[in-house]
Amino acid sequence: MTSFIFVNSLKIHVIIFMSIKQGGDIMEIKSIAIYLDTENIKGTLNIQDLLDDINLKVTAQHENTKTIFAFKKAVGDQSSIKRFRSQLKELNFEIQDTPHITGKKNRADLIICLDAFEKIYIDNPVIDLFVFLTNDSDYSVIMDILRRYNKEVWLVATEEDAQRSIFKSAADNILLISDYQDQDPKLKLKQNGIMLPDIKLKTTKDKRTFKAILKVFKSYDVDMPYQRGHTNNSFRLLERTLDISDTQFKNFNGLYKYLNEKGIIKLTKDSKKVDIITVTNKKLVNRLLEIKL
């Protein structure tokens, strides 16, 4: 790690260049700010799953990239925050209660928009990606402004809102909130016309390994080739304390062989003999994540 300090107009700036060895390349740090308008969240929400998926999608798009959630903020009235308070506290979100002054509409949208604008005005730390969870079209104004300043903007919304032109024109990427809402643990293995493979996992660590790699595959595009090394690194982002040698798979080779046999992925090699992983059935991956194994 190398640091440089310089003084400019009475401001002290510290620039840190962090080098993480990744096949000899320097790993870029991508800074993220995420805002949750809790009054616009209907039903449940697994916030950890949402953060994991954002992390994986960013690193899948940009090789040799490490993500940091520099700001995490949830804003809403007391009743809406109460539903998610334990998750928010566990994940170190800043929580701001915004009671209804007029009895109808609170100030969550105004507070979030001003906070995001302040981030680009101060620009320290620099935020590369802004993520908003909302169905309020008022946010499209700040989303447009952020993009004008070359910031990437993502939206988390319902499937219906994701189709609205006002959001599609203001966001670089739209995630569906239904992908992060807890499913009924009693769901059967055969449902919605999807025939699932016979999955036999022996221990809790086996199940953790299987679910984590499925989360990685969920962030992948269907039939797109991904290098095995990238997949390994994405897995380690989610499960930093899990040792695969303690599972029935023993190592990544065993894990990918198992998944290939079950028809979840396809293993090949490219022209340089590098191992390539391709997700062949995204619906199957999503279905396996929904059920309780």
Protein backbone atom coordinates (compact mmCIF):
# COMPACT_ATOMS: atom_id res chain seq x y z
CA MET A 1 0.00 0.00 0.00
CA THR A 2 1.41 3.43 -0.97
CA SER A 3 0.16 6.80 0.35
CA PHE A 4 0.78 10.34 -0.88
CA ILE A 5 -0.15 13.50 1.05
CA PHE A 6 -0.38 16.93 -0.54
CA VAL A 7 -1.85 20.30 0.44
CA ASN A 8 -4.05 22.29 -1.92
CA SER A 9 -6.05 25.40 -0.95
CA LEU A 10 -5.79 24.64 2.75
CA LYS A 11 -7.14 21.14 2.24
CA ILE A 12 -5.09 18.11 3.09
CA HIS A 13 -5.61 15.24 0.68
CA VAL A 14 -4.54 11.68 1.27
CA ILE A 15 -4.41 9.42 -1.75
CA ILE A 16 -4.02 5.74 -1.11
CA PHE A 17 -3.14 3.33 -3.86
CA MET A 18 -4.02 -0.17 -2.76
CA SER A 19 -2.44 -2.95 -4.73
CA ILE A 20 -3.86 -6.42 -4.38
CA LYS A 21 -2.02 -9.10 -6.27
CA GLN A 22 -4.38 -10.71 -8.73
CA GLY A 23 -2.33 -12.38 -11.43
CA GLY A 24 0.08 -9.44 -11.36
CA ASP A 25 -2.67 -6.85 -11.91
CA ILE A 26 -3.67 -3.98 -9.63
CA MET A 27 -7.16 -4.37 -8.20
CA GLU A 28 -9.38 -1.29 -8.54
CA ILE A 29 -11.55 -0.18 -5.62
CA LYS A 30 -15.15 0.67 -6.57
CA SER A 31 -16.99 2.70 -3.93
CA ILE A 32 -20.77 2.28 -3.52
CA ALA A 33 -23.50 4.27 -1.76
CA ILE A 34 -26.84 2.54 -1.19
CA TYR A 35 -30.09 4.16 -0.04
CA LEU A 36 -33.22 2.32 1.13
CA ASP A 37 -36.53 4.20 1.24
CA THR A 38 -38.12 1.79 3.72
CA GLU A 39 -41.67 3.06 3.14
CA ASN A 40 -41.38 1.88 -0.44
CA ILE A 41 -40.51 -1.70 0.54
CA LYS A 42 -43.57 -3.90 0.45
CA GLY A 43 -43.25 -7.28 2.14
CA THR A 44 -39.97 -8.82 3.19
CA LEU A 45 -36.42 -8.01 2.11
CA ASN A 46 -33.17 -9.89 2.69
CA ILE A 47 -30.78 -6.94 2.74
CA GLN A 48 -27.66 -9.13 2.98
CA ASP A 49 -28.68 -10.94 -0.23
CA LEU A 50 -29.14 -7.57 -1.94
CA LEU A 51 -25.68 -6.35 -0.90
CA ASP A 52 -24.10 -9.65 -1.93
CA ASP A 53 -25.72 -9.51 -5.37
CA ILE A 54 -24.66 -5.90 -5.96
CA ASN A 55 -21.14 -6.88 -4.98
CA LEU A 56 -21.11 -9.86 -7.34
CA LYS A 57 -22.67 -8.00 -10.28
CA VAL A 58 -20.12 -5.18 -10.02
CA THR A 59 -17.13 -7.54 -9.83
CA ALA A 60 -18.54 -9.60 -12.72
CA GLN A 61 -18.73 -6.48 -14.90
CA HIS A 62 -15.30 -5.15 -13.96
CA GLU A 63 -12.40 -7.56 -13.69
CA ASN A 64 -9.83 -6.97 -10.93
CA THR A 65 -12.33 -4.89 -8.97
CA LYS A 66 -13.03 -4.84 -5.24
CA THR A 67 -16.19 -3.19 -3.93
CA ILE A 68 -16.62 -1.12 -0.78
CA PHE A 69 -20.00 0.04 0.52
CA ALA A 70 -18.82 3.48 1.62
CA PHE A 71 -22.32 4.66 2.63
CA LYS A 72 -25.38 2.62 3.61
CA LYS A 73 -28.45 4.56 4.64
CA ALA A 74 -32.09 3.65 5.35
CA VAL A 75 -34.71 6.37 5.66
CA GLY A 76 -38.41 6.13 6.54
CA ASP A 77 -40.99 6.50 9.25
CA GLN A 78 -40.73 4.52 12.47
CA SER A 79 -43.15 1.76 11.49
CA SER A 80 -41.44 0.99 8.18
CA ILE A 81 -37.94 1.04 9.69
CA LYS A 82 -39.06 -1.25 12.52
CA ARG A 83 -39.56 -4.14 10.07
CA PHE A 84 -35.91 -4.05 9.02
CA ARG A 85 -34.17 -2.55 12.06
CA SER A 86 -32.40 -5.73 13.18
CA GLN A 87 -30.99 -6.31 9.67
CA LEU A 88 -29.99 -2.66 9.28
CA LYS A 89 -28.18 -2.61 12.62
CA GLU A 90 -26.38 -5.87 11.86
CA LEU A 91 -25.19 -4.48 8.52
CA ASN A 92 -24.15 -1.09 9.97
CA PHE A 93 -26.67 1.01 8.05
CA GLU A 94 -27.22 4.60 9.08
CA ILE A 95 -30.89 4.76 10.10
CA GLN A 96 -32.88 7.99 9.91
CA ASP A 97 -36.47 8.24 11.14
CA THR A 98 -38.58 10.68 9.12
CA PRO A 99 -42.04 11.12 10.68
CA HIS A 100 -44.94 12.31 8.55
CA ILE A 101 -45.33 16.05 9.04
CA THR A 102 -48.48 16.54 6.96
CA GLY A 103 -49.94 13.15 7.84
CA LYS A 104 -49.57 11.91 4.26
CA LYS A 105 -46.07 12.07 2.84
CA ASN A 106 -42.80 11.96 4.77
CA ARG A 107 -39.50 13.56 3.79
CA ALA A 108 -37.55 10.39 3.02
CA ASP A 109 -37.21 11.15 -0.69
CA LEU A 110 -36.00 14.71 -0.04
CA ILE A 111 -33.48 13.59 2.61
CA ILE A 112 -32.06 10.81 0.42
CA CYS A 113 -31.82 13.02 -2.67
CA LEU A 114 -30.04 15.80 -0.76
CA ASP A 115 -27.69 13.28 0.85
CA ALA A 116 -26.77 11.83 -2.55
CA PHE A 117 -26.23 15.31 -4.01
CA GLU A 118 -24.01 16.19 -1.03
CA LYS A 119 -21.89 13.12 -1.77
CA ILE A 120 -21.02 14.32 -5.28
CA TYR A 121 -20.54 17.91 -4.08
CA ILE A 122 -18.07 16.98 -1.33
CA ASP A 123 -16.64 14.14 -3.44
CA ASN A 124 -14.67 12.69 -0.53
CA PRO A 125 -14.65 9.78 -0.62
CA VAL A 126 -15.43 9.51 -4.30
CA ILE A 127 -18.56 7.43 -4.93
CA ASP A 128 -18.59 5.44 -8.18
CA LEU A 129 -21.99 3.77 -7.90
CA PHE A 130 -25.26 4.97 -6.31
CA VAL A 131 -28.00 2.41 -5.60
CA PHE A 132 -31.58 3.42 -4.73
CA LEU A 133 -34.36 1.11 -3.53
CA THR A 134 -37.65 2.87 -4.22
CA ASN A 135 -40.77 3.06 -6.39
CA ASP A 136 -41.03 6.85 -6.10
CA SER A 137 -40.54 8.55 -9.47
CA ASP A 138 -39.27 11.70 -7.69
CA TYR A 139 -35.90 9.95 -7.39
CA SER A 140 -35.47 10.07 -11.16
CA VAL A 141 -34.38 13.72 -10.82
CA ILE A 142 -31.35 13.00 -8.59
CA MET A 143 -30.61 9.86 -10.62
CA ASP A 144 -30.34 11.97 -13.78
CA ILE A 145 -28.12 14.51 -12.01
CA LEU A 146 -25.77 11.81 -10.73
CA ARG A 147 -25.38 10.35 -14.22
CA ARG A 148 -24.67 13.84 -15.56
CA TYR A 149 -21.63 13.83 -13.26
CA ASN A 150 -20.50 10.47 -14.66
CA LYS A 151 -21.78 8.44 -11.71
CA GLU A 152 -23.25 4.99 -12.25
CA VAL A 153 -26.81 4.65 -10.94
CA TRP A 154 -28.71 1.46 -10.14
CA LEU A 155 -32.31 1.06 -9.07
CA VAL A 156 -33.94 -1.72 -7.04
CA ALA A 157 -37.66 -1.84 -7.80
CA THR A 158 -40.66 -4.05 -8.40
CA GLU A 159 -41.05 -5.73 -11.77
CA GLU A 160 -43.87 -3.32 -12.63
CA ASP A 161 -41.85 -0.20 -11.75
CA ALA A 162 -38.81 -1.56 -13.59
CA GLN A 163 -40.79 -1.21 -16.83
CA ARG A 164 -41.60 2.48 -16.31
CA SER A 165 -39.87 4.71 -18.85
CA ILE A 166 -39.02 7.33 -16.22
CA PHE A 167 -36.88 4.78 -14.35
CA LYS A 168 -35.42 3.01 -17.39
CA SER A 169 -34.15 6.33 -18.75
CA ALA A 170 -32.59 7.35 -15.41
CA ALA A 171 -30.86 4.12 -14.33
CA ASP A 172 -27.86 2.24 -15.71
CA ASN A 173 -29.12 -1.01 -14.24
CA ILE A 174 -32.37 -2.15 -12.59
CA LEU A 175 -32.55 -5.00 -10.08
CA LEU A 176 -35.83 -6.66 -9.13
CA ILE A 177 -36.70 -6.51 -5.44
CA SER A 178 -38.49 -9.86 -5.71
CA ASP A 179 -35.07 -11.52 -6.12
CA TYR A 180 -34.22 -10.51 -2.54
CA GLN A 181 -37.50 -11.27 -0.82
CA ASP A 182 -37.56 -14.36 1.36
CA GLN A 183 -39.43 -17.28 -0.17
CA ASP A 184 -41.66 -19.82 1.54
CA PRO A 185 -39.33 -22.47 3.03
CA LYS A 186 -42.00 -25.12 2.39
CA LEU A 187 -41.73 -24.80 -1.39
CA LYS A 188 -41.49 -28.17 -3.13
CA LEU A 189 -38.56 -29.28 -5.25
CA LYS A 190 -40.80 -29.63 -8.31
CA GLN A 191 -42.80 -26.51 -9.04
CA ASN A 192 -43.45 -23.99 -11.82
CA GLY A 193 -42.58 -26.65 -14.39
CA ILE A 194 -38.92 -26.83 -13.30
CA MET A 195 -37.52 -30.30 -12.66
CA LEU A 196 -34.72 -29.97 -10.13
CA PRO A 197 -31.74 -32.33 -9.92
CA ASP A 198 -31.29 -34.61 -6.93
CA ILE A 199 -29.20 -32.49 -4.57
CA LYS A 200 -27.75 -34.31 -1.55
CA LEU A 201 -25.79 -32.16 0.87
CA LYS A 202 -24.46 -33.73 4.05
CA THR A 203 -23.53 -30.88 6.40
CA THR A 204 -24.25 -27.22 7.11
CA LYS A 205 -20.94 -26.29 5.47
CA ASP A 206 -21.94 -28.23 2.35
CA LYS A 207 -25.17 -26.22 2.19
CA ARG A 208 -23.36 -22.93 2.78
CA THR A 209 -20.94 -23.74 -0.05
CA PHE A 210 -23.73 -24.72 -2.43
CA LYS A 211 -25.85 -21.63 -1.67
CA ALA A 212 -22.87 -19.27 -1.95
CA ILE A 213 -21.81 -20.55 -5.37
CA LEU A 214 -25.42 -20.33 -6.54
CA LYS A 215 -25.44 -16.65 -5.51
CA VAL A 216 -22.36 -16.14 -7.68
CA PHE A 217 -24.06 -17.84 -10.64
CA LYS A 218 -27.19 -15.75 -10.09
CA SER A 219 -25.13 -12.65 -10.91
CA TYR A 220 -23.88 -14.21 -14.17
CA ASP A 221 -25.47 -13.82 -17.59
CA VAL A 222 -26.78 -17.02 -19.16
CA ASP A 223 -24.46 -18.67 -21.68
CA MET A 224 -21.72 -16.11 -21.05
CA PRO A 225 -18.22 -17.57 -20.37
CA TYR A 226 -16.60 -16.71 -17.03
CA GLN A 227 -13.09 -17.68 -16.03
CA ARG A 228 -12.89 -20.12 -13.17
CA GLY A 229 -10.45 -17.88 -11.27
CA HIS A 230 -12.99 -15.05 -11.30
CA THR A 231 -15.66 -17.42 -9.98
CA ASN A 232 -13.36 -18.60 -7.18
CA ASN A 233 -12.70 -15.00 -6.12
CA SER A 234 -16.41 -14.11 -6.21
CA PHE A 235 -17.15 -17.10 -3.98
CA ARG A 236 -14.51 -15.97 -1.47
CA LEU A 237 -16.10 -12.51 -1.34
CA LEU A 238 -19.25 -14.13 0.03
CA GLU A 239 -17.70 -16.82 2.22
CA ARG A 240 -14.44 -15.51 3.65
CA THR A 241 -14.41 -17.94 6.59
CA LEU A 242 -15.53 -21.11 4.84
CA ASP A 243 -12.86 -23.70 4.01
CA ILE A 244 -14.04 -25.88 1.12
CA SER A 245 -11.68 -28.64 2.20
CA ASP A 246 -14.05 -29.17 5.15
CA THR A 247 -16.97 -29.95 2.81
CA GLN A 248 -17.97 -32.98 0.75
CA PHE A 249 -16.55 -31.21 -2.33
CA LYS A 250 -13.00 -30.97 -0.84
CA ASN A 251 -11.93 -28.23 -3.29
CA PHE A 252 -13.18 -26.03 -6.13
CA ASN A 253 -12.51 -28.84 -8.62
CA GLY A 254 -14.90 -31.10 -6.72
CA LEU A 255 -17.50 -28.37 -6.40
CA TYR A 256 -17.55 -27.51 -10.10
CA LYS A 257 -17.55 -31.18 -11.09
CA TYR A 258 -20.62 -31.72 -8.88
CA LEU A 259 -22.41 -28.71 -10.38
CA ASN A 260 -21.52 -29.82 -13.91
CA GLU A 261 -22.92 -33.31 -13.25
CA LYS A 262 -26.15 -31.78 -11.94
CA GLY A 263 -26.58 -29.71 -15.12
CA ILE A 264 -26.28 -26.36 -13.33
CA ILE A 265 -23.13 -25.25 -15.17
CA LYS A 266 -21.06 -26.32 -18.15
CA LEU A 267 -17.29 -26.69 -17.77
CA THR A 268 -15.06 -26.06 -20.81
CA LYS A 269 -11.64 -24.64 -21.70
CA ASP A 270 -10.89 -21.68 -23.93
CA SER A 271 -8.23 -21.51 -26.65
CA LYS A 272 -5.56 -20.84 -24.00
CA LYS A 273 -6.64 -23.91 -21.99
CA VAL A 274 -8.11 -21.70 -19.25
CA ASP A 275 -11.05 -23.25 -17.37
CA ILE A 276 -14.35 -21.62 -18.33
CA ILE A 277 -17.67 -21.78 -16.46
CA THR A 278 -20.99 -21.15 -18.18
CA VAL A 279 -24.37 -20.98 -16.45
CA THR A 280 -26.79 -22.83 -18.72
CA ASN A 281 -30.07 -22.51 -16.80
CA LYS A 282 -30.66 -19.32 -14.77
CA LYS A 283 -34.18 -20.38 -13.78
CA LEU A 284 -32.75 -23.52 -12.20
CA VAL A 285 -30.20 -21.47 -10.24
CA ASN A 286 -32.89 -19.12 -8.95
CA ARG A 287 -35.19 -22.01 -8.05
CA LEU A 288 -32.46 -23.79 -6.08
CA LEU A 289 -31.81 -20.59 -4.14
CA GLU A 290 -35.49 -20.33 -3.22
CA ILE A 291 -35.93 -23.76 -1.72
CA LYS A 292 -34.72 -25.09 1.61
CA LEU A 293 -32.18 -27.84 0.97
